[in-house]
Amino acid sequence: MAERAYLALGSNLGDRLATLQRAVELLDARRGIDVVRSSRVYETEPVGPPQPPYLNAVIEVRTDLEPRELLKECLAVETELGRVRAERWGPRTIDIDVLTYDEREIDEPDLEIPHPRMHERAFVLIPLSDLTADPALPGGRRLDDVRLPPDAMFGVRPFAPALRIER
């Protein structure tokens, strides 16, 4: 039975929009992953060391892969698109995070679902809210429970329409 998962996509090196679109295409081509729809694309201020702004989007997928298998496929797409893990929170060609996997909660050293910091990041919550009004958040919270600082939204600007999903 296919489960619904939400994946966050981010890029701040190279042709950011083309990289996000290519990530969608590569994920959709993977066995066991069907990309259903995409949020709009937002330009966001970076978190971490000085670096260029990001483009961010969230996609909804249907998958019959287990969460760890889905993560493995996301990491393979990152590698295919030239992701190099050099500096924590540093610039990257692509970043793909598993935000939620149905209503499951997983807390393992290298896999936490829902994503442990997603409720603190407007660059995740705003595109996610394009796709679902009430996502599962860490600790059993819901979107209505989250209070972002007033200035959190200033660093998130609409950039482009939803990424294309080929059928």
Foldseek 3Di string as FASTA:
>chain_A
DWWKWKKKKKAADDPQVVLVLVLLVQQCPDPFKHWDWKFFWKWFDADDDDGGIMIMIMTMIIGPDDPVVSVVSSVVSQVVQPFDPDDVSDHGGMDMDTQAIHQDADDDPVDGPNPQCQLAAPSNVVNVCSPPVWDQHPPRDTNVVRDYPPCRCVRIGGDGGIRDRDD
